[in-house]
Amino acid sequence: MPYTEPKIEKIYYSISEVADMFGVNQSLIRYWDKEFDIIKPYKNKKGNRMFTKDDIKNFHLVYHLVKERGMTLKGAKKKLSDNKENTINNFNVIEKLKIIKNQLLEIKNNI
């Protein structure tokens, strides 16, 4: 069996990479970092934000509440502080349903 190079997972993502992932400006990432306690990037010696996969998941949750569901920042903060676990569970269900929908549409298109 031929040797295959193991896939290297990144530990940290730069603010520009995270902004590109979500199609938003870096200023929005900085702003939400200040506004939401669940987003806690590591800052290097230069003060650059370095995001982990958990930070990106939390940013995705905030993005879902604010951009996709249309909540205000105040409303999103309240929802996360009142019932974070339930909010995360609902978000995970929605994400899984989106994946299933895309798979079904792909099957439909291949028929």
N, C-alpha and C. Protein backbone atom coordinates (compact mmCIF):
# COMPACT_ATOMS: atom_id res chain seq x y z
N MET A 1 0.85 -1.18 0.00
CA MET A 1 0.00 0.00 0.00
C MET A 1 0.89 1.25 0.00
N PRO A 2 0.67 2.18 -0.92
CA PRO A 2 1.53 3.36 -0.99
C PRO A 2 1.29 4.29 0.20
N TYR A 3 2.35 4.98 0.56
CA TYR A 3 2.29 5.95 1.65
C TYR A 3 1.48 7.16 1.21
N THR A 4 0.57 7.59 2.07
CA THR A 4 -0.17 8.83 1.79
C THR A 4 0.13 9.81 2.91
N GLU A 5 0.34 11.00 2.51
CA GLU A 5 0.64 12.07 3.45
C GLU A 5 -0.58 12.33 4.33
N PRO A 6 -0.42 12.36 5.66
CA PRO A 6 -1.57 12.65 6.50
C PRO A 6 -2.03 14.09 6.32
N LYS A 7 -3.32 14.28 6.38
CA LYS A 7 -3.86 15.63 6.24
C LYS A 7 -3.59 16.41 7.52
N ILE A 8 -3.00 17.57 7.36
CA ILE A 8 -2.66 18.40 8.51
C ILE A 8 -3.82 19.36 8.78
N GLU A 9 -4.33 19.28 9.99
CA GLU A 9 -5.42 20.17 10.40
C GLU A 9 -4.82 21.44 11.00
N LYS A 10 -5.38 22.55 10.64
CA LYS A 10 -4.91 23.81 11.20
C LYS A 10 -5.43 23.96 12.63
N ILE A 11 -4.63 24.55 13.47
CA ILE A 11 -5.05 24.81 14.84
C ILE A 11 -5.65 26.20 14.93
N TYR A 12 -5.04 27.16 14.24
CA TYR A 12 -5.50 28.54 14.27
C TYR A 12 -5.80 29.06 12.87
N TYR A 13 -6.81 29.91 12.79
CA TYR A 13 -7.18 30.56 11.54
C TYR A 13 -7.09 32.07 11.76
N SER A 14 -6.59 32.77 10.76
CA SER A 14 -6.47 34.22 10.86
C SER A 14 -7.83 34.88 10.70
N ILE A 15 -7.92 36.12 11.06
CA ILE A 15 -9.18 36.85 10.94
C ILE A 15 -9.61 36.94 9.47
N SER A 16 -8.65 37.06 8.56
CA SER A 16 -9.02 37.13 7.14
C SER A 16 -9.59 35.81 6.65
N GLU A 17 -9.05 34.69 7.15
CA GLU A 17 -9.59 33.38 6.76
C GLU A 17 -11.02 33.20 7.27
N VAL A 18 -11.26 33.62 8.50
CA VAL A 18 -12.60 33.50 9.08
C VAL A 18 -13.57 34.41 8.33
N ALA A 19 -13.15 35.63 8.03
CA ALA A 19 -14.00 36.56 7.28
C ALA A 19 -14.36 35.97 5.92
N ASP A 20 -13.39 35.35 5.26
CA ASP A 20 -13.63 34.72 3.95
C ASP A 20 -14.61 33.54 4.07
N MET A 21 -14.49 32.77 5.14
CA MET A 21 -15.38 31.62 5.35
C MET A 21 -16.85 32.04 5.35
N PHE A 22 -17.11 33.21 5.94
CA PHE A 22 -18.49 33.67 6.12
C PHE A 22 -18.88 34.78 5.15
N GLY A 23 -17.94 35.23 4.35
CA GLY A 23 -18.24 36.28 3.38
C GLY A 23 -18.58 37.60 4.04
N VAL A 24 -17.86 37.92 5.12
CA VAL A 24 -18.09 39.18 5.84
C VAL A 24 -16.78 39.95 5.94
N ASN A 25 -16.89 41.19 6.38
CA ASN A 25 -15.70 42.03 6.58
C ASN A 25 -14.99 41.65 7.87
N GLN A 26 -13.70 41.87 7.91
CA GLN A 26 -12.93 41.60 9.12
C GLN A 26 -13.42 42.47 10.28
N SER A 27 -13.92 43.65 9.98
CA SER A 27 -14.42 44.53 11.04
C SER A 27 -15.60 43.90 11.78
N LEU A 28 -16.43 43.14 11.04
CA LEU A 28 -17.56 42.46 11.69
C LEU A 28 -17.04 41.38 12.63
N ILE A 29 -16.01 40.66 12.24
CA ILE A 29 -15.41 39.64 13.11
C ILE A 29 -14.90 40.29 14.39
N ARG A 30 -14.18 41.41 14.25
CA ARG A 30 -13.66 42.12 15.41
C ARG A 30 -14.78 42.59 16.32
N TYR A 31 -15.83 43.14 15.71
CA TYR A 31 -16.96 43.67 16.48
C TYR A 31 -17.65 42.56 17.26
N TRP A 32 -17.95 41.44 16.58
CA TRP A 32 -18.63 40.34 17.27
C TRP A 32 -17.72 39.71 18.33
N ASP A 33 -16.42 39.73 18.11
CA ASP A 33 -15.47 39.25 19.11
C ASP A 33 -15.62 40.06 20.40
N LYS A 34 -15.79 41.36 20.25
CA LYS A 34 -15.96 42.23 21.43
C LYS A 34 -17.34 42.05 22.06
N GLU A 35 -18.36 41.84 21.25
CA GLU A 35 -19.74 41.79 21.72
C GLU A 35 -20.15 40.45 22.33
N PHE A 36 -19.60 39.34 21.85
CA PHE A 36 -20.05 38.02 22.28
C PHE A 36 -18.96 37.30 23.06
N ASP A 37 -19.29 36.92 24.28
CA ASP A 37 -18.33 36.23 25.15
C ASP A 37 -17.94 34.85 24.65
N ILE A 38 -18.78 34.23 23.81
CA ILE A 38 -18.48 32.88 23.36
C ILE A 38 -17.39 32.84 22.28
N ILE A 39 -17.07 33.99 21.71
CA ILE A 39 -15.98 34.08 20.72
C ILE A 39 -14.75 34.60 21.45
N LYS A 40 -13.76 33.72 21.63
CA LYS A 40 -12.58 34.09 22.41
C LYS A 40 -11.31 33.72 21.67
N PRO A 41 -10.95 34.46 20.64
CA PRO A 41 -9.74 34.09 19.90
C PRO A 41 -8.48 34.34 20.72
N TYR A 42 -7.47 33.55 20.41
CA TYR A 42 -6.14 33.74 20.98
C TYR A 42 -5.54 34.96 20.28
N LYS A 43 -4.82 35.78 21.03
CA LYS A 43 -4.11 36.92 20.42
C LYS A 43 -2.62 36.70 20.58
N ASN A 44 -1.92 36.80 19.44
CA ASN A 44 -0.47 36.60 19.49
C ASN A 44 0.21 37.86 20.03
N LYS A 45 1.54 37.86 20.04
CA LYS A 45 2.31 38.98 20.59
C LYS A 45 2.02 40.29 19.88
N LYS A 46 1.70 40.21 18.59
CA LYS A 46 1.37 41.42 17.82
C LYS A 46 -0.05 41.88 18.07
N GLY A 47 -0.87 41.05 18.73
CA GLY A 47 -2.26 41.39 18.98
C GLY A 47 -3.21 40.89 17.89
N ASN A 48 -2.67 40.08 16.96
CA ASN A 48 -3.52 39.52 15.90
C ASN A 48 -4.41 38.42 16.48
N ARG A 49 -5.66 38.43 16.08
CA ARG A 49 -6.59 37.39 16.53
C ARG A 49 -6.34 36.10 15.75
N MET A 50 -6.29 35.00 16.48
CA MET A 50 -6.12 33.68 15.90
C MET A 50 -7.27 32.81 16.42
N PHE A 51 -8.10 32.33 15.50
CA PHE A 51 -9.32 31.63 15.86
C PHE A 51 -9.15 30.12 15.79
N THR A 52 -9.69 29.41 16.79
CA THR A 52 -9.70 27.96 16.80
C THR A 52 -10.98 27.48 16.11
N LYS A 53 -11.08 26.16 15.93
CA LYS A 53 -12.30 25.60 15.35
C LYS A 53 -13.50 25.89 16.24
N ASP A 54 -13.31 25.88 17.56
CA ASP A 54 -14.41 26.20 18.47
C ASP A 54 -14.86 27.64 18.30
N ASP A 55 -13.91 28.55 18.13
CA ASP A 55 -14.27 29.96 17.89
C ASP A 55 -15.09 30.08 16.61
N ILE A 56 -14.70 29.33 15.59
CA ILE A 56 -15.40 29.39 14.30
C ILE A 56 -16.81 28.82 14.45
N LYS A 57 -16.95 27.74 15.21
CA LYS A 57 -18.29 27.18 15.48
C LYS A 57 -19.16 28.20 16.20
N ASN A 58 -18.58 28.88 17.20
CA ASN A 58 -19.34 29.89 17.94
C ASN A 58 -19.68 31.09 17.06
N PHE A 59 -18.73 31.48 16.21
CA PHE A 59 -19.01 32.56 15.27
C PHE A 59 -20.15 32.15 14.34
N HIS A 60 -20.14 30.90 13.89
CA HIS A 60 -21.19 30.39 13.01
C HIS A 60 -22.55 30.45 13.71
N LEU A 61 -22.58 30.15 14.99
CA LEU A 61 -23.81 30.23 15.77
C LEU A 61 -24.32 31.67 15.82
N VAL A 62 -23.44 32.61 16.11
CA VAL A 62 -23.83 34.03 16.14
C VAL A 62 -24.29 34.46 14.75
N TYR A 63 -23.55 34.06 13.72
CA TYR A 63 -23.91 34.39 12.34
C TYR A 63 -25.31 33.89 12.02
N HIS A 64 -25.59 32.65 12.44
CA HIS A 64 -26.92 32.07 12.21
C HIS A 64 -28.01 32.90 12.87
N LEU A 65 -27.80 33.26 14.13
CA LEU A 65 -28.82 34.02 14.86
C LEU A 65 -29.04 35.41 14.26
N VAL A 66 -27.95 36.09 13.93
CA VAL A 66 -28.04 37.48 13.48
C VAL A 66 -28.34 37.59 11.99
N LYS A 67 -27.57 36.90 11.17
CA LYS A 67 -27.70 37.06 9.72
C LYS A 67 -28.80 36.20 9.11
N GLU A 68 -28.93 34.95 9.57
CA GLU A 68 -29.91 34.05 8.97
C GLU A 68 -31.29 34.15 9.62
N ARG A 69 -31.32 34.31 10.93
CA ARG A 69 -32.61 34.41 11.61
C ARG A 69 -33.06 35.85 11.81
N GLY A 70 -32.16 36.81 11.56
CA GLY A 70 -32.53 38.22 11.61
C GLY A 70 -32.65 38.80 13.01
N MET A 71 -32.02 38.18 13.98
CA MET A 71 -32.09 38.70 15.35
C MET A 71 -31.19 39.93 15.50
N THR A 72 -31.53 40.77 16.44
CA THR A 72 -30.65 41.88 16.78
C THR A 72 -29.50 41.33 17.61
N LEU A 73 -28.43 42.10 17.74
CA LEU A 73 -27.31 41.65 18.57
C LEU A 73 -27.77 41.46 20.01
N LYS A 74 -28.60 42.37 20.49
CA LYS A 74 -29.13 42.27 21.86
C LYS A 74 -29.95 40.99 22.00
N GLY A 75 -30.78 40.69 21.01
CA GLY A 75 -31.60 39.48 21.05
C GLY A 75 -30.76 38.22 21.00
N ALA A 76 -29.73 38.22 20.17
CA ALA A 76 -28.84 37.06 20.07
C ALA A 76 -28.09 36.85 21.38
N LYS A 77 -27.61 37.93 21.98
CA LYS A 77 -26.91 37.82 23.27
C LYS A 77 -27.83 37.24 24.33
N LYS A 78 -29.08 37.72 24.36
CA LYS A 78 -30.05 37.24 25.35
C LYS A 78 -30.34 35.76 25.13
N LYS A 79 -30.53 35.38 23.88
CA LYS A 79 -30.82 33.97 23.57
C LYS A 79 -29.67 33.08 24.01
N LEU A 80 -28.44 33.51 23.76
CA LEU A 80 -27.27 32.72 24.15
C LEU A 80 -27.08 32.69 25.67
N SER A 81 -27.40 33.78 26.36
CA SER A 81 -27.22 33.78 27.81
C SER A 81 -28.35 33.05 28.51
N ASP A 82 -29.58 33.12 27.97
CA ASP A 82 -30.71 32.47 28.61
C ASP A 82 -30.69 30.95 28.44
N ASN A 83 -30.35 30.49 27.24
CA ASN A 83 -30.43 29.05 26.99
C ASN A 83 -29.45 28.65 25.89
N LYS A 84 -28.17 28.77 26.21
CA LYS A 84 -27.12 28.50 25.22
C LYS A 84 -27.18 27.07 24.70
N GLU A 85 -27.35 26.10 25.60
CA GLU A 85 -27.34 24.69 25.18
C GLU A 85 -28.47 24.39 24.20
N ASN A 86 -29.66 24.87 24.49
CA ASN A 86 -30.80 24.65 23.60
C ASN A 86 -30.58 25.35 22.26
N THR A 87 -30.03 26.55 22.29
CA THR A 87 -29.74 27.30 21.07
C THR A 87 -28.74 26.54 20.21
N ILE A 88 -27.71 25.99 20.83
CA ILE A 88 -26.70 25.22 20.10
C ILE A 88 -27.32 23.95 19.52
N ASN A 89 -28.15 23.27 20.30
CA ASN A 89 -28.80 22.06 19.81
C ASN A 89 -29.70 22.35 18.62
N ASN A 90 -30.48 23.42 18.69
CA ASN A 90 -31.34 23.81 17.56
C ASN A 90 -30.52 24.13 16.33
N PHE A 91 -29.42 24.85 16.52
CA PHE A 91 -28.54 25.21 15.42
C PHE A 91 -27.97 23.95 14.76
N ASN A 92 -27.53 22.98 15.58
CA ASN A 92 -26.97 21.74 15.04
C ASN A 92 -28.00 20.97 14.23
N VAL A 93 -29.24 20.93 14.71
CA VAL A 93 -30.31 20.25 13.97
C VAL A 93 -30.53 20.93 12.63
N ILE A 94 -30.57 22.26 12.61
CA ILE A 94 -30.77 23.02 11.37
C ILE A 94 -29.64 22.73 10.39
N GLU A 95 -28.41 22.70 10.87
CA GLU A 95 -27.26 22.44 10.00
C GLU A 95 -27.34 21.03 9.40
N LYS A 96 -27.74 20.05 10.22
CA LYS A 96 -27.87 18.67 9.72
C LYS A 96 -28.98 18.58 8.69
N LEU A 97 -30.07 19.29 8.93
CA LEU A 97 -31.18 19.29 7.97
C LEU A 97 -30.76 19.93 6.64
N LYS A 98 -29.93 20.97 6.70
CA LYS A 98 -29.43 21.59 5.47
C LYS A 98 -28.59 20.59 4.66
N ILE A 99 -27.78 19.81 5.35
CA ILE A 99 -26.95 18.81 4.69
C ILE A 99 -27.84 17.76 4.02
N ILE A 100 -28.85 17.29 4.75
CA ILE A 100 -29.78 16.30 4.21
C ILE A 100 -30.51 16.86 3.00
N LYS A 101 -30.95 18.11 3.09
CA LYS A 101 -31.65 18.74 1.97
C LYS A 101 -30.76 18.77 0.73
N ASN A 102 -29.50 19.18 0.92
CA ASN A 102 -28.57 19.25 -0.21
C ASN A 102 -28.32 17.87 -0.81
N GLN A 103 -28.24 16.84 0.03
CA GLN A 103 -28.05 15.49 -0.46
C GLN A 103 -29.27 15.03 -1.26
N LEU A 104 -30.45 15.34 -0.76
CA LEU A 104 -31.67 14.96 -1.47
C LEU A 104 -31.80 15.68 -2.81
N LEU A 105 -31.43 16.96 -2.82
CA LEU A 105 -31.46 17.72 -4.09
C LEU A 105 -30.46 17.14 -5.08
N GLU A 106 -29.32 16.73 -4.59
CA GLU A 106 -28.31 16.13 -5.47
C GLU A 106 -28.83 14.80 -6.05
N ILE A 107 -29.48 14.01 -5.22
CA ILE A 107 -30.07 12.74 -5.69
C ILE A 107 -31.13 13.02 -6.73
N LYS A 108 -31.99 14.02 -6.45
CA LYS A 108 -33.05 14.39 -7.39
C LYS A 108 -32.47 14.79 -8.73
N ASN A 109 -31.40 15.59 -8.71
CA ASN A 109 -30.78 16.06 -9.95
C ASN A 109 -30.10 14.94 -10.73
N ASN A 110 -29.71 13.89 -10.04
CA ASN A 110 -29.05 12.76 -10.70
C ASN A 110 -30.02 11.73 -11.25
N ILE A 111 -31.27 11.87 -10.91
CA ILE A 111 -32.28 10.89 -11.40
C ILE A 111 -32.66 11.21 -12.84
